[in-house]
PDB file of N, CA and C in Angstrom:
ATOM      1  N   PRO A   1      31.412   4.344 -26.812  1.00  0.00           N
ATOM      2  CA  PRO A   1      32.162   3.177 -27.566  1.00  0.00           C
ATOM      3  C   PRO A   1      33.221   3.352 -28.625  1.00  0.00           C
ATOM      4  N   GLN A   2      32.849   4.589 -29.588  1.00  0.00           N
ATOM      5  CA  GLN A   2      33.718   4.883 -30.458  1.00  0.00           C
ATOM      6  C   GLN A   2      34.961   5.580 -29.815  1.00  0.00           C
ATOM      7  N   VAL A   3      34.834   6.257 -28.830  1.00  0.00           N
ATOM      8  CA  VAL A   3      35.982   6.914 -28.245  1.00  0.00           C
ATOM      9  C   VAL A   3      36.821   5.839 -27.691  1.00  0.00           C
ATOM     10  N   LYS A   4      36.216   4.893 -26.921  1.00  0.00           N
ATOM     11  CA  LYS A   4      36.893   4.085 -26.264  1.00  0.00           C
ATOM     12  C   LYS A   4      37.821   2.777 -27.312  1.00  0.00           C
ATOM     13  N   ALA A   5      37.098   2.725 -28.636  1.00  0.00           N
ATOM     14  CA  ALA A   5      37.836   2.107 -29.530  1.00  0.00           C
ATOM     15  C   ALA A   5      39.097   2.681 -29.964  1.00  0.00           C
ATOM     16  N   PHE A   6      39.117   4.162 -30.179  1.00  0.00           N
ATOM     17  CA  PHE A   6      40.114   4.947 -30.577  1.00  0.00           C
ATOM     18  C   PHE A   6      41.277   4.844 -29.468  1.00  0.00           C
ATOM     19  N   VAL A   7      40.888   5.077 -28.306  1.00  0.00           N
ATOM     20  CA  VAL A   7      41.760   4.791 -27.066  1.00  0.00           C
ATOM     21  C   VAL A   7      42.563   3.634 -27.133  1.00  0.00           C
ATOM     22  N   THR A   8      41.771   2.423 -27.196  1.00  0.00           N
ATOM     23  CA  THR A   8      42.389   1.061 -27.096  1.00  0.00           C
ATOM     24  C   THR A   8      43.188   0.612 -28.054  1.00  0.00           C
ATOM     25  N   GLN A   9      42.516   0.952 -29.510  1.00  0.00           N
ATOM     26  CA  GLN A   9      43.420   0.321 -30.587  1.00  0.00           C
ATOM     27  C   GLN A   9      44.097   1.338 -31.395  1.00  0.00           C
ATOM     28  N   ASP A  10      43.691   2.685 -31.340  1.00  0.00           N
ATOM     29  CA  ASP A  10      44.384   3.612 -32.038  1.00  0.00           C
ATOM     30  C   ASP A  10      45.480   4.479 -31.577  1.00  0.00           C
ATOM     31  N   ILE A  11      45.288   4.862 -30.382  1.00  0.00           N
ATOM     32  CA  ILE A  11      46.519   5.950 -29.651  1.00  0.00           C
ATOM     33  C   ILE A  11      47.557   5.111 -29.629  1.00  0.00           C
ATOM     34  N   PRO A  12      47.879   3.745 -29.498  1.00  0.00           N
ATOM     35  CA  PRO A  12      49.334   3.125 -29.416  1.00  0.00           C
ATOM     36  C   PRO A  12      50.037   3.217 -30.812  1.00  0.00           C
ATOM     37  N   LEU A  13      49.221   3.622 -31.795  1.00  0.00           N
ATOM     38  CA  LEU A  13      49.719   3.819 -33.263  1.00  0.00           C
ATOM     39  C   LEU A  13      50.273   5.286 -33.466  1.00  0.00           C
ATOM     40  N   TYR A  14      50.009   6.050 -32.481  1.00  0.00           N
ATOM     41  CA  TYR A  14      50.142   7.353 -32.759  1.00  0.00           C
ATOM     42  C   TYR A  14      51.497   7.989 -32.269  1.00  0.00           C
ATOM     43  N   HIS A  15      52.538   8.511 -32.561  1.00  0.00           N
ATOM     44  CA  HIS A  15      53.720   8.980 -32.088  1.00  0.00           C
ATOM     45  C   HIS A  15      53.315  10.253 -31.422  1.00  0.00           C
ATOM     46  N   ASN A  16      53.763  10.482 -30.131  1.00  0.00           N
ATOM     47  CA  ASN A  16      53.587  11.617 -29.467  1.00  0.00           C
ATOM     48  C   ASN A  16      52.287  11.692 -29.098  1.00  0.00           C
ATOM     49  N   LEU A  17      51.399  11.030 -29.155  1.00  0.00           N
ATOM     50  CA  LEU A  17      50.060  11.203 -28.506  1.00  0.00           C
ATOM     51  C   LEU A  17      49.796   9.877 -27.314  1.00  0.00           C
ATOM     52  N   GLU A  18      49.429  10.552 -26.008  1.00  0.00           N
ATOM     53  CA  GLU A  18      49.292   9.492 -25.070  1.00  0.00           C
ATOM     54  C   GLU A  18      47.910  10.009 -24.219  1.00  0.00           C
ATOM     55  N   MET A  19      47.265   8.769 -23.641  1.00  0.00           N
ATOM     56  CA  MET A  19      46.251   8.957 -22.830  1.00  0.00           C
ATOM     57  C   MET A  19      46.318   8.923 -21.388  1.00  0.00           C
ATOM     58  N   LYS A  20      45.455   9.934 -20.822  1.00  0.00           N
ATOM     59  CA  LYS A  20      45.488  10.087 -19.297  1.00  0.00           C
ATOM     60  C   LYS A  20      44.170   9.920 -19.133  1.00  0.00           C
ATOM     61  N   HIS A  21      43.837   8.913 -18.157  1.00  0.00           N
ATOM     62  CA  HIS A  21      42.521   8.602 -17.910  1.00  0.00           C
ATOM     63  C   HIS A  21      42.153   9.414 -16.384  1.00  0.00           C
ATOM     64  N   LEU A  22      40.989  10.232 -16.580  1.00  0.00           N
ATOM     65  CA  LEU A  22      40.613  11.090 -15.466  1.00  0.00           C
ATOM     66  C   LEU A  22      39.341  10.498 -15.211  1.00  0.00           C
ATOM     67  N   PRO A  23      38.834   9.707 -14.327  1.00  0.00           N
ATOM     68  CA  PRO A  23      37.503   9.081 -13.858  1.00  0.00           C
ATOM     69  C   PRO A  23      36.690  10.345 -13.760  1.00  0.00           C
ATOM     70  N   GLY A  24      35.488  10.052 -14.420  1.00  0.00           N
ATOM     71  CA  GLY A  24      34.450  10.782 -14.487  1.00  0.00           C
ATOM     72  C   GLY A  24      34.374  12.066 -15.455  1.00  0.00           C
ATOM     73  N   ALA A  25      35.494  12.291 -16.212  1.00  0.00           N
ATOM     74  CA  ALA A  25      35.702  13.412 -16.996  1.00  0.00           C
ATOM     75  C   ALA A  25      35.279  12.813 -18.427  1.00  0.00           C
ATOM     76  N   ASP A  26      34.655  13.881 -19.255  1.00  0.00           N
ATOM     77  CA  ASP A  26      34.390  13.512 -20.641  1.00  0.00           C
ATOM     78  C   ASP A  26      35.656  13.465 -21.519  1.00  0.00           C
ATOM     79  N   PRO A  27      35.589  12.694 -22.609  1.00  0.00           N
ATOM     80  CA  PRO A  27      36.995  12.623 -23.222  1.00  0.00           C
ATOM     81  C   PRO A  27      37.227  13.689 -24.086  1.00  0.00           C
ATOM     82  N   GLU A  28      38.586  14.146 -23.998  1.00  0.00           N
ATOM     83  CA  GLU A  28      38.835  15.436 -24.752  1.00  0.00           C
ATOM     84  C   GLU A  28      40.340  15.310 -25.139  1.00  0.00           C
ATOM     85  N   LEU A  29      40.514  15.664 -26.207  1.00  0.00           N
ATOM     86  CA  LEU A  29      42.117  15.615 -26.784  1.00  0.00           C
ATOM     87  C   LEU A  29      42.474  17.170 -26.433  1.00  0.00           C
ATOM     88  N   VAL A  30      43.380  17.003 -25.489  1.00  0.00           N
ATOM     89  CA  VAL A  30      44.395  18.359 -25.146  1.00  0.00           C
ATOM     90  C   VAL A  30      45.745  18.367 -25.764  1.00  0.00           C
ATOM     91  N   LEU A  31      45.803  19.537 -26.211  1.00  0.00           N
ATOM     92  CA  LEU A  31      46.868  19.920 -27.254  1.00  0.00           C
ATOM     93  C   LEU A  31      47.829  20.789 -26.341  1.00  0.00           C
ATOM     94  N   LEU A  32      49.107  20.357 -26.202  1.00  0.00           N
ATOM     95  CA  LEU A  32      50.297  20.975 -25.441  1.00  0.00           C
ATOM     96  C   LEU A  32      51.392  21.474 -26.398  1.00  0.00           C
ATOM     97  N   SER A  33      51.927  22.453 -25.882  1.00  0.00           N
ATOM     98  CA  SER A  33      53.170  23.103 -26.653  1.00  0.00           C
ATOM     99  C   SER A  33      54.180  22.033 -26.148  1.00  0.00           C
ATOM    100  N   LEU A  34      55.588  22.439 -26.852  1.00  0.00           N
ATOM    101  CA  LEU A  34      56.541  21.921 -26.282  1.00  0.00           C
ATOM    102  C   LEU A  34      57.066  21.979 -24.940  1.00  0.00           C
ATOM    103  N   ARG A  35      56.498  23.065 -24.316  1.00  0.00           N
ATOM    104  CA  ARG A  35      56.663  23.363 -22.776  1.00  0.00           C
ATOM    105  C   ARG A  35      55.580  22.832 -22.013  1.00  0.00           C
ATOM    106  N   TYR A  36      54.811  22.066 -22.473  1.00  0.00           N
ATOM    107  CA  TYR A  36      53.648  21.456 -21.885  1.00  0.00           C
ATOM    108  C   TYR A  36      52.662  22.376 -21.570  1.00  0.00           C
ATOM    109  N   GLU A  37      52.606  23.519 -22.028  1.00  0.00           N
ATOM    110  CA  GLU A  37      51.415  24.553 -21.991  1.00  0.00           C
ATOM    111  C   GLU A  37      50.126  24.320 -22.637  1.00  0.00           C
ATOM    112  N   GLU A  38      49.058  24.342 -22.167  1.00  0.00           N
ATOM    113  CA  GLU A  38      47.688  23.951 -23.082  1.00  0.00           C
ATOM    114  C   GLU A  38      47.686  25.062 -23.982  1.00  0.00           C
ATOM    115  N   LEU A  39      47.317  24.510 -25.202  1.00  0.00           N
ATOM    116  CA  LEU A  39      46.978  25.258 -26.216  1.00  0.00           C
ATOM    117  C   LEU A  39      45.735  25.087 -26.627  1.00  0.00           C
ATOM    118  N   GLU A  40      45.111  24.063 -26.509  1.00  0.00           N
ATOM    119  CA  GLU A  40      43.656  23.842 -26.959  1.00  0.00           C
ATOM    120  C   GLU A  40      43.137  22.493 -26.396  1.00  0.00           C
ATOM    121  N   ARG A  41      41.644  22.663 -25.999  1.00  0.00           N
ATOM    122  CA  ARG A  41      40.916  21.234 -25.718  1.00  0.00           C
ATOM    123  C   ARG A  41      39.828  21.055 -26.701  1.00  0.00           C
ATOM    124  N   ILE A  42      39.639  19.837 -27.136  1.00  0.00           N
ATOM    125  CA  ILE A  42      38.608  19.495 -28.320  1.00  0.00           C
ATOM    126  C   ILE A  42      38.046  18.148 -27.791  1.00  0.00           C
ATOM    127  N   PRO A  43      36.598  18.550 -27.572  1.00  0.00           N
ATOM    128  CA  PRO A  43      35.722  17.588 -26.793  1.00  0.00           C
ATOM    129  C   PRO A  43      35.682  16.373 -27.971  1.00  0.00           C
ATOM    130  N   LEU A  44      35.604  14.819 -27.426  1.00  0.00           N
ATOM    131  CA  LEU A  44      35.629  13.927 -28.504  1.00  0.00           C
ATOM    132  C   LEU A  44      34.409  13.036 -28.083  1.00  0.00           C
ATOM    133  N   SER A  45      33.521  13.171 -27.152  1.00  0.00           N
ATOM    134  CA  SER A  45      32.465  12.493 -26.952  1.00  0.00           C
ATOM    135  C   SER A  45      31.569  12.251 -27.903  1.00  0.00           C
ATOM    136  N   ASP A  46      31.026  13.514 -28.857  1.00  0.00           N
ATOM    137  CA  ASP A  46      30.236  13.104 -30.057  1.00  0.00           C
ATOM    138  C   ASP A  46      30.917  12.596 -31.427  1.00  0.00           C
ATOM    139  N   MET A  47      32.254  12.497 -31.297  1.00  0.00           N
ATOM    140  CA  MET A  47      32.975  11.960 -32.563  1.00  0.00           C
ATOM    141  C   MET A  47      33.137  10.651 -32.833  1.00  0.00           C
ATOM    142  N   THR A  48      33.150  10.225 -33.993  1.00  0.00           N
ATOM    143  CA  THR A  48      33.195   8.777 -34.486  1.00  0.00           C
ATOM    144  C   THR A  48      34.797   8.404 -34.180  1.00  0.00           C
ATOM    145  N   ARG A  49      34.947   6.886 -34.212  1.00  0.00           N
ATOM    146  CA  ARG A  49      36.341   6.791 -34.085  1.00  0.00           C
ATOM    147  C   ARG A  49      37.008   7.297 -35.397  1.00  0.00           C
ATOM    148  N   GLU A  50      36.576   7.077 -36.491  1.00  0.00           N
ATOM    149  CA  GLU A  50      37.155   7.701 -37.875  1.00  0.00           C
ATOM    150  C   GLU A  50      37.444   9.116 -37.735  1.00  0.00           C
ATOM    151  N   GLU A  51      36.245   9.850 -37.270  1.00  0.00           N
ATOM    152  CA  GLU A  51      36.678  11.145 -36.959  1.00  0.00           C
ATOM    153  C   GLU A  51      37.640  11.828 -36.149  1.00  0.00           C
ATOM    154  N   ILE A  52      38.000  10.896 -35.431  1.00  0.00           N
ATOM    155  CA  ILE A  52      38.747  11.378 -34.290  1.00  0.00           C
ATOM    156  C   ILE A  52      40.317  10.973 -34.924  1.00  0.00           C
ATOM    157  N   ASN A  53      40.196   9.861 -35.830  1.00  0.00           N
ATOM    158  CA  ASN A  53      41.553   9.433 -36.320  1.00  0.00           C
ATOM    159  C   ASN A  53      41.875  10.725 -37.546  1.00  0.00           C
ATOM    160  N   GLN A  54      40.779  11.021 -38.254  1.00  0.00           N
ATOM    161  CA  GLN A  54      41.240  12.049 -39.206  1.00  0.00           C
ATOM    162  C   GLN A  54      41.602  13.211 -38.599  1.00  0.00           C
ATOM    163  N   LEU A  55      41.096  13.748 -37.417  1.00  0.00           N
ATOM    164  CA  LEU A  55      41.426  14.954 -36.548  1.00  0.00           C
ATOM    165  C   LEU A  55      42.922  14.905 -36.318  1.00  0.00           C
ATOM    166  N   VAL A  56      43.187  13.678 -35.554  1.00  0.00           N
ATOM    167  CA  VAL A  56      44.625  13.660 -35.064  1.00  0.00           C
ATOM    168  C   VAL A  56      45.708  13.641 -36.285  1.00  0.00           C
ATOM    169  N   GLN A  57      45.179  13.090 -37.427  1.00  0.00           N
ATOM    170  CA  GLN A  57      46.227  12.909 -38.560  1.00  0.00           C
ATOM    171  C   GLN A  57      46.218  14.755 -38.997  1.00  0.00           C
ATOM    172  N   GLU A  58      45.060  15.122 -39.219  1.00  0.00           N
ATOM    173  CA  GLU A  58      45.027  16.599 -39.638  1.00  0.00           C
ATOM    174  C   GLU A  58      45.811  17.767 -38.728  1.00  0.00           C
ATOM    175  N   LEU A  59      45.855  17.340 -37.283  1.00  0.00           N
ATOM    176  CA  LEU A  59      46.547  17.924 -36.762  1.00  0.00           C
ATOM    177  C   LEU A  59      48.309  17.797 -36.734  1.00  0.00           C
ATOM    178  N   GLY A  60      48.617  16.741 -37.353  1.00  0.00           N
ATOM    179  CA  GLY A  60      49.991  16.321 -37.801  1.00  0.00           C
ATOM    180  C   GLY A  60      50.564  15.232 -36.671  1.00  0.00           C
ATOM    181  N   PHE A  61      49.969  14.396 -36.157  1.00  0.00           N
ATOM    182  CA  PHE A  61      50.353  13.309 -35.427  1.00  0.00           C
ATOM    183  C   PHE A  61      50.758  12.134 -36.448  1.00  0.00           C
ATOM    184  N   TYR A  62      51.651  11.728 -36.361  1.00  0.00           N
ATOM    185  CA  TYR A  62      52.419  10.550 -37.203  1.00  0.00           C
ATOM    186  C   TYR A  62      51.708   9.080 -36.771  1.00  0.00           C
ATOM    187  N   ARG A  63      51.196   8.581 -37.521  1.00  0.00           N
ATOM    188  CA  ARG A  63      50.714   7.368 -37.217  1.00  0.00           C
ATOM    189  C   ARG A  63      51.418   6.211 -37.849  1.00  0.00           C
ATOM    190  N   LYS A  64      51.958   5.127 -36.952  1.00  0.00           N
ATOM    191  CA  LYS A  64      52.845   4.123 -37.267  1.00  0.00           C
ATOM    192  C   LYS A  64      52.027   2.812 -37.854  1.00  0.00           C
ATOM    193  N   GLU A  65      52.858   1.984 -38.384  1.00  0.00           N
ATOM    194  CA  GLU A  65      52.032   0.921 -38.994  1.00  0.00           C
ATOM    195  C   GLU A  65      51.622  -0.207 -37.607  1.00  0.00           C
ATOM    196  N   THR A  66      52.576  -0.352 -36.818  1.00  0.00           N
ATOM    197  CA  THR A  66      52.172  -0.863 -35.629  1.00  0.00           C
ATOM    198  C   THR A  66      52.848  -0.227 -34.533  1.00  0.00           C
ATOM    199  N   PRO A  67      52.309  -0.519 -33.048  1.00  0.00           N
ATOM    200  CA  PRO A  67      52.977   0.354 -31.979  1.00  0.00           C
ATOM    201  C   PRO A  67      54.218   0.421 -31.820  1.00  0.00           C
ATOM    202  N   ASP A  68      55.045  -0.448 -32.240  1.00  0.00           N
ATOM    203  CA  ASP A  68      56.562  -0.688 -31.930  1.00  0.00           C
ATOM    204  C   ASP A  68      57.411  -0.093 -33.276  1.00  0.00           C
ATOM    205  N   ALA A  69      56.633   0.197 -34.281  1.00  0.00           N
ATOM    206  CA  ALA A  69      57.465   0.302 -35.612  1.00  0.00           C
ATOM    207  C   ALA A  69      58.301   1.736 -35.287  1.00  0.00           C
ATOM    208  N   PRO A  70      59.430   1.855 -35.942  1.00  0.00           N
ATOM    209  CA  PRO A  70      60.027   3.158 -35.798  1.00  0.00           C
ATOM    210  C   PRO A  70      59.634   4.182 -36.463  1.00  0.00           C
ATOM    211  N   VAL A  71      59.973   5.603 -36.080  1.00  0.00           N
ATOM    212  CA  VAL A  71      59.263   6.919 -36.450  1.00  0.00           C
ATOM    213  C   VAL A  71      60.235   7.530 -37.310  1.00  0.00           C
ATOM    214  N   PRO A  72      59.974   7.747 -38.409  1.00  0.00           N
ATOM    215  CA  PRO A  72      61.080   8.499 -39.209  1.00  0.00           C
ATOM    216  C   PRO A  72      61.430   9.682 -38.626  1.00  0.00           C
ATOM    217  N   GLU A  73      62.891   9.996 -38.820  1.00  0.00           N
ATOM    218  CA  GLU A  73      63.348  11.173 -38.163  1.00  0.00           C
ATOM    219  C   GLU A  73      62.651  12.554 -38.299  1.00  0.00           C
ATOM    220  N   GLU A  74      62.162  12.653 -39.615  1.00  0.00           N
ATOM    221  CA  GLU A  74      61.280  14.106 -39.715  1.00  0.00           C
ATOM    222  C   GLU A  74      59.951  14.215 -38.772  1.00  0.00           C
ATOM    223  N   PHE A  75      59.614  12.992 -38.434  1.00  0.00           N
ATOM    224  CA  PHE A  75      58.352  13.230 -37.621  1.00  0.00           C
ATOM    225  C   PHE A  75      58.648  12.957 -36.257  1.00  0.00           C
ATOM    226  N   GLN A  76      59.813  12.671 -35.806  1.00  0.00           N
ATOM    227  CA  GLN A  76      60.124  12.698 -34.194  1.00  0.00           C
ATOM    228  C   GLN A  76      59.584  13.738 -33.195  1.00  0.00           C
ATOM    229  N   PHE A  77      59.238  14.758 -33.846  1.00  0.00           N
ATOM    230  CA  PHE A  77      58.789  15.976 -32.909  1.00  0.00           C
ATOM    231  C   PHE A  77      57.501  16.460 -33.551  1.00  0.00           C
ATOM    232  N   ALA A  78      56.920  15.681 -34.308  1.00  0.00           N
ATOM    233  CA  ALA A  78      55.412  15.808 -34.818  1.00  0.00           C
ATOM    234  C   ALA A  78      54.404  15.596 -33.726  1.00  0.00           C
ATOM    235  N   PRO A  79      53.450  16.511 -33.570  1.00  0.00           N
ATOM    236  CA  PRO A  79      52.926  17.264 -34.638  1.00  0.00           C
ATOM    237  C   PRO A  79      53.569  18.850 -34.414  1.00  0.00           C
ATOM    238  N   ALA A  80      54.840  18.766 -33.485  1.00  0.00           N
ATOM    239  CA  ALA A  80      55.287  20.416 -33.346  1.00  0.00           C
ATOM    240  C   ALA A  80      55.608  20.812 -34.668  1.00  0.00           C
ATOM    241  N   LYS A  81      55.340  22.072 -34.892  1.00  0.00           N
ATOM    242  CA  LYS A  81      55.558  22.953 -36.003  1.00  0.00           C
ATOM    243  C   LYS A  81      57.171  23.402 -35.853  1.00  0.00           C
ATOM    244  N   PRO A  82      57.872  23.312 -36.740  1.00  0.00           N
ATOM    245  CA  PRO A  82      59.286  24.049 -36.544  1.00  0.00           C
ATOM    246  C   PRO A  82      58.928  25.471 -36.311  1.00  0.00           C
ATOM    247  N   LEU A  83      60.191  25.997 -35.379  1.00  0.00           N
ATOM    248  CA  LEU A  83      60.109  27.189 -35.133  1.00  0.00           C
ATOM    249  C   LEU A  83      60.549  28.204 -36.226  1.00  0.00           C
ATOM    250  N   PRO A  84      60.129  29.359 -36.318  1.00  0.00           N
ATOM    251  CA  PRO A  84      60.504  30.091 -37.551  1.00  0.00           C
ATOM    252  C   PRO A  84      61.942  30.641 -37.257  1.00  0.00           C
ATOM    253  N   ILE A  85      62.913  30.573 -38.287  1.00  0.00           N
ATOM    254  CA  ILE A  85      64.231  31.010 -37.924  1.00  0.00           C
ATOM    255  C   ILE A  85      64.110  32.551 -38.084  1.00  0.00           C
ATOM    256  N   LEU A  86      64.546  33.440 -37.143  1.00  0.00           N
ATOM    257  CA  LEU A  86      64.366  34.673 -37.168  1.00  0.00           C
ATOM    258  C   LEU A  86      65.793  35.343 -37.329  1.00  0.00           C
ATOM    259  N   LEU A  87      65.799  35.872 -38.573  1.00  0.00           N
ATOM    260  CA  LEU A  87      67.138  36.320 -38.890  1.00  0.00           C
ATOM    261  C   LEU A  87      67.411  37.952 -38.366  1.00  0.00           C
ATOM    262  N   PRO A  88      68.422  38.234 -37.835  1.00  0.00           N
ATOM    263  CA  PRO A  88      68.654  39.962 -37.393  1.00  0.00           C
ATOM    264  C   PRO A  88      68.626  40.890 -38.491  1.00  0.00           C
ATOM    265  N   PRO A  89      67.573  41.836 -38.378  1.00  0.00           N
ATOM    266  CA  PRO A  89      67.580  42.840 -39.274  1.00  0.00           C
ATOM    267  C   PRO A  89      68.718  43.436 -39.804  1.00  0.00           C
ATOM    268  N   GLN A  90      69.096  43.735 -40.982  1.00  0.00           N
ATOM    269  CA  GLN A  90      70.182  44.371 -41.375  1.00  0.00           C
ATOM    270  C   GLN A  90      69.876  45.739 -41.026  1.00  0.00           C
ATOM    271  N   ALA A  91      71.034  46.632 -40.721  1.00  0.00           N
ATOM    272  CA  ALA A  91      70.794  48.016 -40.399  1.00  0.00           C
ATOM    273  C   ALA A  91      71.059  48.578 -41.870  1.00  0.00           C
ATOM    274  N   PRO A  92      70.252  49.642 -41.986  1.00  0.00           N
ATOM    275  CA  PRO A  92      70.401  50.259 -43.414  1.00  0.00           C
ATOM    276  C   PRO A  92      71.657  51.468 -43.161  1.00  0.00           C
ATOM    277  N   THR A  93      72.349  51.727 -44.295  1.00  0.00           N
ATOM    278  CA  THR A  93      73.480  52.743 -44.157  1.00  0.00           C
ATOM    279  C   THR A  93      72.919  53.964 -44.235  1.00  0.00           C
ATOM    280  N   THR A  94      73.698  55.116 -44.182  1.00  0.00           N
ATOM    281  CA  THR A  94      72.970  56.420 -44.109  1.00  0.00           C
ATOM    282  C   THR A  94      72.388  56.743 -45.342  1.00  0.00           C
ATOM    283  N   ASP A  95      72.650  56.034 -46.502  1.00  0.00           N
ATOM    284  CA  ASP A  95      72.085  56.396 -47.800  1.00  0.00           C
ATOM    285  C   ASP A  95      70.606  55.256 -47.869  1.00  0.00           C
ATOM    286  N   GLY A  96      70.286  54.756 -46.708  1.00  0.00           N
ATOM    287  CA  GLY A  96      69.377  54.124 -46.804  1.00  0.00           C
ATOM    288  C   GLY A  96      69.393  52.681 -47.679  1.00  0.00           C
ATOM    289  N   LYS A  97      70.504  52.343 -48.035  1.00  0.00           N
ATOM    290  CA  LYS A  97      70.547  51.105 -48.350  1.00  0.00           C
ATOM    291  C   LYS A  97      71.252  49.949 -47.534  1.00  0.00           C
ATOM    292  N   THR A  98      70.961  48.672 -47.738  1.00  0.00           N
ATOM    293  CA  THR A  98      71.625  47.616 -46.880  1.00  0.00           C
ATOM    294  C   THR A  98      72.726  47.370 -47.173  1.00  0.00           C
ATOM    295  N   PRO A  99      73.803  47.364 -46.137  1.00  0.00           N
ATOM    296  CA  PRO A  99      75.089  47.144 -46.627  1.00  0.00           C
ATOM    297  C   PRO A  99      75.341  45.641 -47.109  1.00  0.00           C
ATOM    298  N   PRO A 100      76.277  45.385 -47.959  1.00  0.00           N
ATOM    299  CA  PRO A 100      76.275  44.264 -48.650  1.00  0.00           C
ATOM    300  C   PRO A 100      76.920  43.278 -47.591  1.00  0.00           C
ATOM    301  N   LYS A 101      76.542  41.979 -47.669  1.00  0.00           N
ATOM    302  CA  LYS A 101      77.326  40.782 -46.699  1.00  0.00           C
ATOM    303  C   LYS A 101      78.752  40.378 -47.139  1.00  0.00           C
ATOM    304  N   TRP A 102      79.559  40.143 -46.301  1.00  0.00           N
ATOM    305  CA  TRP A 102      80.889  39.891 -46.463  1.00  0.00           C
ATOM    306  C   TRP A 102      81.223  38.307 -45.920  1.00  0.00           C
ATOM    307  N   ASP A 103      81.952  37.580 -46.763  1.00  0.00           N
ATOM    308  CA  ASP A 103      82.383  36.438 -46.180  1.00  0.00           C
ATOM    309  C   ASP A 103      83.667  36.866 -45.491  1.00  0.00           C
ATOM    310  N   LYS A 104      83.996  36.057 -44.406  1.00  0.00           N
ATOM    311  CA  LYS A 104      85.126  36.130 -43.691  1.00  0.00           C
ATOM    312  C   LYS A 104      86.478  36.261 -44.520  1.00  0.00           C
ATOM    313  N   GLU A 105      86.617  35.773 -45.494  1.00  0.00           N
ATOM    314  CA  GLU A 105      87.916  35.825 -46.529  1.00  0.00           C
ATOM    315  C   GLU A 105      87.881  37.327 -46.904  1.00  0.00           C
ATOM    316  N   GLU A 106      86.833  38.006 -47.458  1.00  0.00           N
ATOM    317  CA  GLU A 106      86.852  39.087 -47.996  1.00  0.00           C
ATOM    318  C   GLU A 106      87.069  40.274 -46.779  1.00  0.00           C
ATOM    319  N   ARG A 107      86.714  40.006 -45.540  1.00  0.00           N
ATOM    320  CA  ARG A 107      86.908  40.894 -44.481  1.00  0.00           C
ATOM    321  C   ARG A 107      88.140  40.584 -43.455  1.00  0.00           C
ATOM    322  N   PRO A 108      89.239  40.571 -43.695  1.00  0.00           N
ATOM    323  CA  PRO A 108      90.328  40.202 -42.920  1.00  0.00           C
ATOM    324  C   PRO A 108      90.334  40.545 -41.371  1.00  0.00           C
ATOM    325  N   ASP A 109      89.399  41.579 -41.418  1.00  0.00           N
ATOM    326  CA  ASP A 109      89.274  42.418 -39.888  1.00  0.00           C
ATOM    327  C   ASP A 109      88.388  41.576 -39.049  1.00  0.00           C
ATOM    328  N   LEU A 110      87.851  40.458 -39.606  1.00  0.00           N
ATOM    329  CA  LEU A 110      86.743  39.747 -38.647  1.00  0.00           C
ATOM    330  C   LEU A 110      87.271  38.499 -38.233  1.00  0.00           C
TER     331      LEU A 110
END
C-alpha cells in the first residue's frame, strides 16, 4: 500500500522519474545513466512512502509543487550530475616548468 501511494500520488510530482508497470515484479527503483544504461536497482517493497520520497530526493530528483508546474532550468537534467570538465594537460617545457598561457592578442602567430 505504501509503494502504491507513492506511485499514484508522488511520482507525478517528480521531474525525470517515471513508472513502468511490470506485472508480477517486485517494485524497485531503477536508476539509469543519460545513455539509459542501468546504474543501480533499489528494492522498494519494504519501504514506507515517506522513506521512498526521502530516497528519491536524496538522489537528486526535483519535486514539483504540482504535476504540471514548471521545472527550473538548473533542474532540467536532474538528478544527472554535471560531467567534469577535463582540461588538456599542459606540457612542461625542457626546464620542467609549465609554459605561460597567452591571449590571441599577445600571440599574433595564432
